Amino acid sequence: MDPIVAAASVIAAALAVGLAAIGPGIGQGNAAASAVEGIARQPEAEGKIRGTLLLSLAFMEALTIYGLVVALVLLFANPFA
């Protein structure tokens, strides 16, 4: 494999993982803060809020996993080689 292609693939994989972690990380923080605020305002709705929070966190985490898959494809199954 050409060294330039290999270096570009490694840089692209690092960017894919980094950017895929930043977005959902910020989103998860905002969602958790809103859930805590909602539970503080309405403690009797804790069960519904917690369930919705966990479901939304799982969907956000899936976005990070997609970034990881893209990075692994760039590193090990390089389509540019």
PDB file of N, CA and C in Angstrom:
ATOM      1  N   MET A   1       0.846  -1.176   0.000  1.00  0.00           N
ATOM      2  CA  MET A   1       0.000   0.000   0.000  1.00  0.00           C
ATOM      3  C   MET A   1       0.892   1.239   0.000  1.00  0.00           C
ATOM      4  N   ASP A   2       0.441   2.233  -0.698  1.00  0.00           N
ATOM      5  CA  ASP A   2       1.159   3.502  -0.776  1.00  0.00           C
ATOM      6  C   ASP A   2       1.204   4.148   0.616  1.00  0.00           C
ATOM      7  N   PRO A   3       2.364   4.617   1.048  1.00  0.00           N
ATOM      8  CA  PRO A   3       2.460   5.208   2.389  1.00  0.00           C
ATOM      9  C   PRO A   3       1.564   6.430   2.588  1.00  0.00           C
ATOM     10  N   ILE A   4       1.343   7.185   1.533  1.00  0.00           N
ATOM     11  CA  ILE A   4       0.474   8.358   1.658  1.00  0.00           C
ATOM     12  C   ILE A   4      -0.967   7.923   1.896  1.00  0.00           C
ATOM     13  N   VAL A   5      -1.410   6.879   1.202  1.00  0.00           N
ATOM     14  CA  VAL A   5      -2.765   6.359   1.401  1.00  0.00           C
ATOM     15  C   VAL A   5      -2.905   5.794   2.807  1.00  0.00           C
ATOM     16  N   ALA A   6      -1.875   5.098   3.279  1.00  0.00           N
ATOM     17  CA  ALA A   6      -1.916   4.542   4.632  1.00  0.00           C
ATOM     18  C   ALA A   6      -1.981   5.649   5.678  1.00  0.00           C
ATOM     19  N   ALA A   7      -1.179   6.683   5.500  1.00  0.00           N
ATOM     20  CA  ALA A   7      -1.195   7.798   6.456  1.00  0.00           C
ATOM     21  C   ALA A   7      -2.524   8.527   6.424  1.00  0.00           C
ATOM     22  N   ALA A   8      -3.069   8.743   5.237  1.00  0.00           N
ATOM     23  CA  ALA A   8      -4.367   9.415   5.123  1.00  0.00           C
ATOM     24  C   ALA A   8      -5.475   8.576   5.753  1.00  0.00           C
ATOM     25  N   SER A   9      -5.384   7.245   5.618  1.00  0.00           N
ATOM     26  CA  SER A   9      -6.386   6.369   6.221  1.00  0.00           C
ATOM     27  C   SER A   9      -6.332   6.433   7.741  1.00  0.00           C
ATOM     28  N   VAL A  10      -5.139   6.480   8.299  1.00  0.00           N
ATOM     29  CA  VAL A  10      -5.000   6.568   9.750  1.00  0.00           C
ATOM     30  C   VAL A  10      -5.534   7.905  10.256  1.00  0.00           C
ATOM     31  N   ILE A  11      -5.232   8.977   9.549  1.00  0.00           N
ATOM     32  CA  ILE A  11      -5.735  10.296   9.960  1.00  0.00           C
ATOM     33  C   ILE A  11      -7.257  10.341   9.831  1.00  0.00           C
ATOM     34  N   ALA A  12      -7.791   9.789   8.750  1.00  0.00           N
ATOM     35  CA  ALA A  12      -9.245   9.774   8.568  1.00  0.00           C
ATOM     36  C   ALA A  12      -9.921   8.930   9.635  1.00  0.00           C
ATOM     37  N   ALA A  13      -9.297   7.807  10.018  1.00  0.00           N
ATOM     38  CA  ALA A  13      -9.867   6.967  11.073  1.00  0.00           C
ATOM     39  C   ALA A  13      -9.875   7.706  12.406  1.00  0.00           C
ATOM     40  N   ALA A  14      -8.806   8.432  12.697  1.00  0.00           N
ATOM     41  CA  ALA A  14      -8.758   9.200  13.943  1.00  0.00           C
ATOM     42  C   ALA A  14      -9.812  10.293  13.949  1.00  0.00           C
ATOM     43  N   LEU A  15      -9.987  10.970  12.831  1.00  0.00           N
ATOM     44  CA  LEU A  15     -11.023  12.000  12.748  1.00  0.00           C
ATOM     45  C   LEU A  15     -12.421  11.402  12.866  1.00  0.00           C
ATOM     46  N   ALA A  16     -12.635  10.228  12.256  1.00  0.00           N
ATOM     47  CA  ALA A  16     -13.947   9.586  12.325  1.00  0.00           C
ATOM     48  C   ALA A  16     -14.311   9.250  13.762  1.00  0.00           C
ATOM     49  N   VAL A  17     -13.373   8.680  14.502  1.00  0.00           N
ATOM     50  CA  VAL A  17     -13.661   8.321  15.897  1.00  0.00           C
ATOM     51  C   VAL A  17     -13.814   9.573  16.745  1.00  0.00           C
ATOM     52  N   GLY A  18     -12.954  10.548  16.539  1.00  0.00           N
ATOM     53  CA  GLY A  18     -13.016  11.769  17.335  1.00  0.00           C
ATOM     54  C   GLY A  18     -14.305  12.536  17.131  1.00  0.00           C
ATOM     55  N   LEU A  19     -14.677  12.753  15.887  1.00  0.00           N
ATOM     56  CA  LEU A  19     -15.910  13.492  15.610  1.00  0.00           C
ATOM     57  C   LEU A  19     -17.149  12.690  15.982  1.00  0.00           C
ATOM     58  N   ALA A  20     -17.064  11.366  15.827  1.00  0.00           N
ATOM     59  CA  ALA A  20     -18.210  10.537  16.198  1.00  0.00           C
ATOM     60  C   ALA A  20     -18.397  10.478  17.706  1.00  0.00           C
ATOM     61  N   ALA A  21     -17.372  10.789  18.471  1.00  0.00           N
ATOM     62  CA  ALA A  21     -17.498  10.779  19.929  1.00  0.00           C
ATOM     63  C   ALA A  21     -17.924  12.142  20.473  1.00  0.00           C
ATOM     64  N   ILE A  22     -17.526  13.212  19.800  1.00  0.00           N
ATOM     65  CA  ILE A  22     -17.828  14.552  20.305  1.00  0.00           C
ATOM     66  C   ILE A  22     -19.327  14.845  20.253  1.00  0.00           C
ATOM     67  N   GLY A  23     -19.951  14.611  19.116  1.00  0.00           N
ATOM     68  CA  GLY A  23     -21.370  14.932  18.953  1.00  0.00           C
ATOM     69  C   GLY A  23     -22.267  14.206  19.937  1.00  0.00           C
ATOM     70  N   PRO A  24     -22.227  12.874  19.954  1.00  0.00           N
ATOM     71  CA  PRO A  24     -23.057  12.162  20.917  1.00  0.00           C
ATOM     72  C   PRO A  24     -22.677  12.451  22.373  1.00  0.00           C
ATOM     73  N   GLY A  25     -21.417  12.749  22.635  1.00  0.00           N
ATOM     74  CA  GLY A  25     -21.024  13.090  24.002  1.00  0.00           C
ATOM     75  C   GLY A  25     -21.713  14.353  24.485  1.00  0.00           C
ATOM     76  N   ILE A  26     -21.738  15.350  23.622  1.00  0.00           N
ATOM     77  CA  ILE A  26     -22.439  16.592  23.967  1.00  0.00           C
ATOM     78  C   ILE A  26     -23.939  16.332  24.094  1.00  0.00           C
ATOM     79  N   GLY A  27     -24.487  15.554  23.168  1.00  0.00           N
ATOM     80  CA  GLY A  27     -25.908  15.236  23.218  1.00  0.00           C
ATOM     81  C   GLY A  27     -26.294  14.455  24.464  1.00  0.00           C
ATOM     82  N   GLN A  28     -25.455  13.509  24.864  1.00  0.00           N
ATOM     83  CA  GLN A  28     -25.741  12.734  26.068  1.00  0.00           C
ATOM     84  C   GLN A  28     -25.678  13.612  27.307  1.00  0.00           C
ATOM     85  N   GLY A  29     -24.742  14.529  27.329  1.00  0.00           N
ATOM     86  CA  GLY A  29     -24.670  15.451  28.461  1.00  0.00           C
ATOM     87  C   GLY A  29     -25.907  16.324  28.560  1.00  0.00           C
ATOM     88  N   ASN A  30     -26.350  16.847  27.422  1.00  0.00           N
ATOM     89  CA  ASN A  30     -27.559  17.668  27.415  1.00  0.00           C
ATOM     90  C   ASN A  30     -28.794  16.860  27.810  1.00  0.00           C
ATOM     91  N   ALA A  31     -28.885  15.633  27.308  1.00  0.00           N
ATOM     92  CA  ALA A  31     -30.036  14.791  27.637  1.00  0.00           C
ATOM     93  C   ALA A  31     -30.057  14.444  29.120  1.00  0.00           C
ATOM     94  N   ALA A  32     -28.900  14.111  29.678  1.00  0.00           N
ATOM     95  CA  ALA A  32     -28.842  13.784  31.099  1.00  0.00           C
ATOM     96  C   ALA A  32     -29.179  14.996  31.955  1.00  0.00           C
ATOM     97  N   ALA A  33     -28.689  16.171  31.555  1.00  0.00           N
ATOM     98  CA  ALA A  33     -28.999  17.381  32.316  1.00  0.00           C
ATOM     99  C   ALA A  33     -30.488  17.677  32.281  1.00  0.00           C
ATOM    100  N   SER A  34     -31.102  17.515  31.127  1.00  0.00           N
ATOM    101  CA  SER A  34     -32.541  17.756  31.017  1.00  0.00           C
ATOM    102  C   SER A  34     -33.342  16.733  31.820  1.00  0.00           C
ATOM    103  N   ALA A  35     -32.871  15.486  31.816  1.00  0.00           N
ATOM    104  CA  ALA A  35     -33.569  14.456  32.587  1.00  0.00           C
ATOM    105  C   ALA A  35     -33.483  14.738  34.083  1.00  0.00           C
ATOM    106  N   VAL A  36     -32.320  15.132  34.556  1.00  0.00           N
ATOM    107  CA  VAL A  36     -32.172  15.454  35.977  1.00  0.00           C
ATOM    108  C   VAL A  36     -33.051  16.648  36.340  1.00  0.00           C
ATOM    109  N   GLU A  37     -33.090  17.632  35.465  1.00  0.00           N
ATOM    110  CA  GLU A  37     -33.931  18.801  35.720  1.00  0.00           C
ATOM    111  C   GLU A  37     -35.413  18.414  35.727  1.00  0.00           C
ATOM    112  N   GLY A  38     -35.808  17.553  34.794  1.00  0.00           N
ATOM    113  CA  GLY A  38     -37.199  17.096  34.753  1.00  0.00           C
ATOM    114  C   GLY A  38     -37.578  16.295  35.978  1.00  0.00           C
ATOM    115  N   ILE A  39     -36.677  15.440  36.442  1.00  0.00           N
ATOM    116  CA  ILE A  39     -36.957  14.648  37.648  1.00  0.00           C
ATOM    117  C   ILE A  39     -37.021  15.562  38.870  1.00  0.00           C
ATOM    118  N   ALA A  40     -36.173  16.591  38.905  1.00  0.00           N
ATOM    119  CA  ALA A  40     -36.199  17.520  40.033  1.00  0.00           C
ATOM    120  C   ALA A  40     -37.514  18.306  40.058  1.00  0.00           C
ATOM    121  N   ARG A  41     -38.042  18.645  38.900  1.00  0.00           N
ATOM    122  CA  ARG A  41     -39.290  19.401  38.847  1.00  0.00           C
ATOM    123  C   ARG A  41     -40.509  18.524  39.084  1.00  0.00           C
ATOM    124  N   GLN A  42     -40.446  17.278  38.642  1.00  0.00           N
ATOM    125  CA  GLN A  42     -41.597  16.385  38.723  1.00  0.00           C
ATOM    126  C   GLN A  42     -41.135  14.982  39.124  1.00  0.00           C
ATOM    127  N   PRO A  43     -40.882  14.780  40.410  1.00  0.00           N
ATOM    128  CA  PRO A  43     -40.333  13.491  40.862  1.00  0.00           C
ATOM    129  C   PRO A  43     -41.236  12.292  40.585  1.00  0.00           C
ATOM    130  N   GLU A  44     -42.532  12.502  40.493  1.00  0.00           N
ATOM    131  CA  GLU A  44     -43.445  11.369  40.271  1.00  0.00           C
ATOM    132  C   GLU A  44     -43.331  10.818  38.847  1.00  0.00           C
ATOM    133  N   ALA A  45     -42.722  11.556  37.936  1.00  0.00           N
ATOM    134  CA  ALA A  45     -42.544  11.091  36.554  1.00  0.00           C
ATOM    135  C   ALA A  45     -41.165  10.487  36.332  1.00  0.00           C
ATOM    136  N   GLU A  46     -40.484  10.116  37.408  1.00  0.00           N
ATOM    137  CA  GLU A  46     -39.115   9.620  37.286  1.00  0.00           C
ATOM    138  C   GLU A  46     -39.004   8.389  36.396  1.00  0.00           C
ATOM    139  N   GLY A  47     -39.924   7.464  36.522  1.00  0.00           N
ATOM    140  CA  GLY A  47     -39.863   6.230  35.731  1.00  0.00           C
ATOM    141  C   GLY A  47     -39.945   6.478  34.234  1.00  0.00           C
ATOM    142  N   LYS A  48     -40.884   7.315  33.831  1.00  0.00           N
ATOM    143  CA  LYS A  48     -41.032   7.626  32.402  1.00  0.00           C
ATOM    144  C   LYS A  48     -39.818   8.388  31.884  1.00  0.00           C
ATOM    145  N   ILE A  49     -39.335   9.332  32.673  1.00  0.00           N
ATOM    146  CA  ILE A  49     -38.180  10.124  32.242  1.00  0.00           C
ATOM    147  C   ILE A  49     -36.955   9.240  32.119  1.00  0.00           C
ATOM    148  N   ARG A  50     -36.745   8.360  33.105  1.00  0.00           N
ATOM    149  CA  ARG A  50     -35.578   7.486  33.073  1.00  0.00           C
ATOM    150  C   ARG A  50     -35.623   6.550  31.868  1.00  0.00           C
ATOM    151  N   GLY A  51     -36.795   5.984  31.583  1.00  0.00           N
ATOM    152  CA  GLY A  51     -36.918   5.083  30.436  1.00  0.00           C
ATOM    153  C   GLY A  51     -36.633   5.775  29.123  1.00  0.00           C
ATOM    154  N   THR A  52     -37.183   6.968  28.971  1.00  0.00           N
ATOM    155  CA  THR A  52     -36.936   7.739  27.755  1.00  0.00           C
ATOM    156  C   THR A  52     -35.471   8.135  27.642  1.00  0.00           C
ATOM    157  N   LEU A  53     -34.875   8.504  28.774  1.00  0.00           N
ATOM    158  CA  LEU A  53     -33.456   8.881  28.773  1.00  0.00           C
ATOM    159  C   LEU A  53     -32.589   7.709  28.342  1.00  0.00           C
ATOM    160  N   LEU A  54     -32.813   6.543  28.896  1.00  0.00           N
ATOM    161  CA  LEU A  54     -31.986   5.385  28.551  1.00  0.00           C
ATOM    162  C   LEU A  54     -32.133   5.003  27.081  1.00  0.00           C
ATOM    163  N   LEU A  55     -33.361   5.091  26.553  1.00  0.00           N
ATOM    164  CA  LEU A  55     -33.570   4.785  25.139  1.00  0.00           C
ATOM    165  C   LEU A  55     -32.845   5.789  24.255  1.00  0.00           C
ATOM    166  N   SER A  56     -32.942   7.061  24.588  1.00  0.00           N
ATOM    167  CA  SER A  56     -32.267   8.075  23.771  1.00  0.00           C
ATOM    168  C   SER A  56     -30.749   7.967  23.892  1.00  0.00           C
ATOM    169  N   LEU A  57     -30.245   7.617  25.075  1.00  0.00           N
ATOM    170  CA  LEU A  57     -28.798   7.431  25.221  1.00  0.00           C
ATOM    171  C   LEU A  57     -28.302   6.261  24.381  1.00  0.00           C
ATOM    172  N   ALA A  58     -29.108   5.212  24.287  1.00  0.00           N
ATOM    173  CA  ALA A  58     -28.719   4.065  23.460  1.00  0.00           C
ATOM    174  C   ALA A  58     -28.644   4.458  21.990  1.00  0.00           C
ATOM    175  N   PHE A  59     -29.597   5.260  21.527  1.00  0.00           N
ATOM    176  CA  PHE A  59     -29.558   5.711  20.132  1.00  0.00           C
ATOM    177  C   PHE A  59     -28.363   6.616  19.882  1.00  0.00           C
ATOM    178  N   MET A  60     -28.039   7.469  20.833  1.00  0.00           N
ATOM    179  CA  MET A  60     -26.877   8.346  20.664  1.00  0.00           C
ATOM    180  C   MET A  60     -25.581   7.540  20.655  1.00  0.00           C
ATOM    181  N   GLU A  61     -25.516   6.526  21.485  1.00  0.00           N
ATOM    182  CA  GLU A  61     -24.307   5.695  21.532  1.00  0.00           C
ATOM    183  C   GLU A  61     -24.130   4.924  20.226  1.00  0.00           C
ATOM    184  N   ALA A  62     -25.242   4.603  19.560  1.00  0.00           N
ATOM    185  CA  ALA A  62     -25.155   3.916  18.274  1.00  0.00           C
ATOM    186  C   ALA A  62     -24.425   4.779  17.246  1.00  0.00           C
ATOM    187  N   LEU A  63     -24.593   6.089  17.322  1.00  0.00           N
ATOM    188  CA  LEU A  63     -23.892   6.975  16.398  1.00  0.00           C
ATOM    189  C   LEU A  63     -22.380   6.887  16.602  1.00  0.00           C
ATOM    190  N   THR A  64     -21.949   6.773  17.846  1.00  0.00           N
ATOM    191  CA  THR A  64     -20.527   6.629  18.129  1.00  0.00           C
ATOM    192  C   THR A  64     -20.004   5.303  17.586  1.00  0.00           C
ATOM    193  N   ILE A  65     -20.798   4.274  17.702  1.00  0.00           N
ATOM    194  CA  ILE A  65     -20.384   2.961  17.205  1.00  0.00           C
ATOM    195  C   ILE A  65     -20.268   2.990  15.681  1.00  0.00           C
ATOM    196  N   TYR A  66     -21.138   3.735  15.001  1.00  0.00           N
ATOM    197  CA  TYR A  66     -21.022   3.868  13.544  1.00  0.00           C
ATOM    198  C   TYR A  66     -19.691   4.517  13.177  1.00  0.00           C
ATOM    199  N   GLY A  67     -19.279   5.515  13.929  1.00  0.00           N
ATOM    200  CA  GLY A  67     -17.976   6.137  13.695  1.00  0.00           C
ATOM    201  C   GLY A  67     -16.838   5.163  13.899  1.00  0.00           C
ATOM    202  N   LEU A  68     -16.961   4.321  14.916  1.00  0.00           N
ATOM    203  CA  LEU A  68     -15.942   3.303  15.159  1.00  0.00           C
ATOM    204  C   LEU A  68     -15.879   2.308  14.010  1.00  0.00           C
ATOM    205  N   VAL A  69     -17.025   1.926  13.485  1.00  0.00           N
ATOM    206  CA  VAL A  69     -17.055   0.992  12.351  1.00  0.00           C
ATOM    207  C   VAL A  69     -16.383   1.614  11.126  1.00  0.00           C
ATOM    208  N   VAL A  70     -16.655   2.884  10.875  1.00  0.00           N
ATOM    209  CA  VAL A  70     -16.013   3.566   9.748  1.00  0.00           C
ATOM    210  C   VAL A  70     -14.498   3.589   9.937  1.00  0.00           C
ATOM    211  N   ALA A  71     -14.056   3.867  11.162  1.00  0.00           N
ATOM    212  CA  ALA A  71     -12.615   3.900  11.431  1.00  0.00           C
ATOM    213  C   ALA A  71     -11.992   2.524  11.243  1.00  0.00           C
ATOM    214  N   LEU A  72     -12.658   1.479  11.689  1.00  0.00           N
ATOM    215  CA  LEU A  72     -12.110   0.139  11.529  1.00  0.00           C
ATOM    216  C   LEU A  72     -12.057  -0.261  10.056  1.00  0.00           C
ATOM    217  N   VAL A  73     -13.047   0.151   9.278  1.00  0.00           N
ATOM    218  CA  VAL A  73     -13.020  -0.125   7.846  1.00  0.00           C
ATOM    219  C   VAL A  73     -11.837   0.589   7.196  1.00  0.00           C
ATOM    220  N   LEU A  74     -11.612   1.827   7.582  1.00  0.00           N
ATOM    221  CA  LEU A  74     -10.485   2.582   7.006  1.00  0.00           C
ATOM    222  C   LEU A  74      -9.143   1.974   7.389  1.00  0.00           C
ATOM    223  N   LEU A  75      -9.064   1.384   8.576  1.00  0.00           N
ATOM    224  CA  LEU A  75      -7.783   0.830   9.024  1.00  0.00           C
ATOM    225  C   LEU A  75      -7.525  -0.577   8.489  1.00  0.00           C
ATOM    226  N   PHE A  76      -8.548  -1.426   8.491  1.00  0.00           N
ATOM    227  CA  PHE A  76      -8.299  -2.841   8.216  1.00  0.00           C
ATOM    228  C   PHE A  76      -8.874  -3.344   6.882  1.00  0.00           C
ATOM    229  N   ALA A  77      -9.921  -2.728   6.389  1.00  0.00           N
ATOM    230  CA  ALA A  77     -10.493  -3.140   5.109  1.00  0.00           C
ATOM    231  C   ALA A  77     -10.475  -1.935   4.187  1.00  0.00           C
ATOM    232  N   ASN A  78      -9.319  -1.355   4.033  1.00  0.00           N
ATOM    233  CA  ASN A  78      -9.166  -0.074   3.356  1.00  0.00           C
ATOM    234  C   ASN A  78      -9.668  -0.150   1.924  1.00  0.00           C
ATOM    235  N   PRO A  79     -10.740   0.611   1.603  1.00  0.00           N
ATOM    236  CA  PRO A  79     -11.267   0.572   0.231  1.00  0.00           C
ATOM    237  C   PRO A  79     -10.386   1.324  -0.761  1.00  0.00           C
ATOM    238  N   PHE A  80      -9.400   2.088  -0.277  1.00  0.00           N
ATOM    239  CA  PHE A  80      -8.555   2.872  -1.146  1.00  0.00           C
ATOM    240  C   PHE A  80      -7.251   2.163  -1.508  1.00  0.00           C
ATOM    241  N   ALA A  81      -7.061   0.963  -0.983  1.00  0.00           N
ATOM    242  CA  ALA A  81      -5.815   0.244  -1.231  1.00  0.00           C
ATOM    243  C   ALA A  81      -5.849  -0.433  -2.583  1.00  0.00           C
TER     244      ALA A  81
END
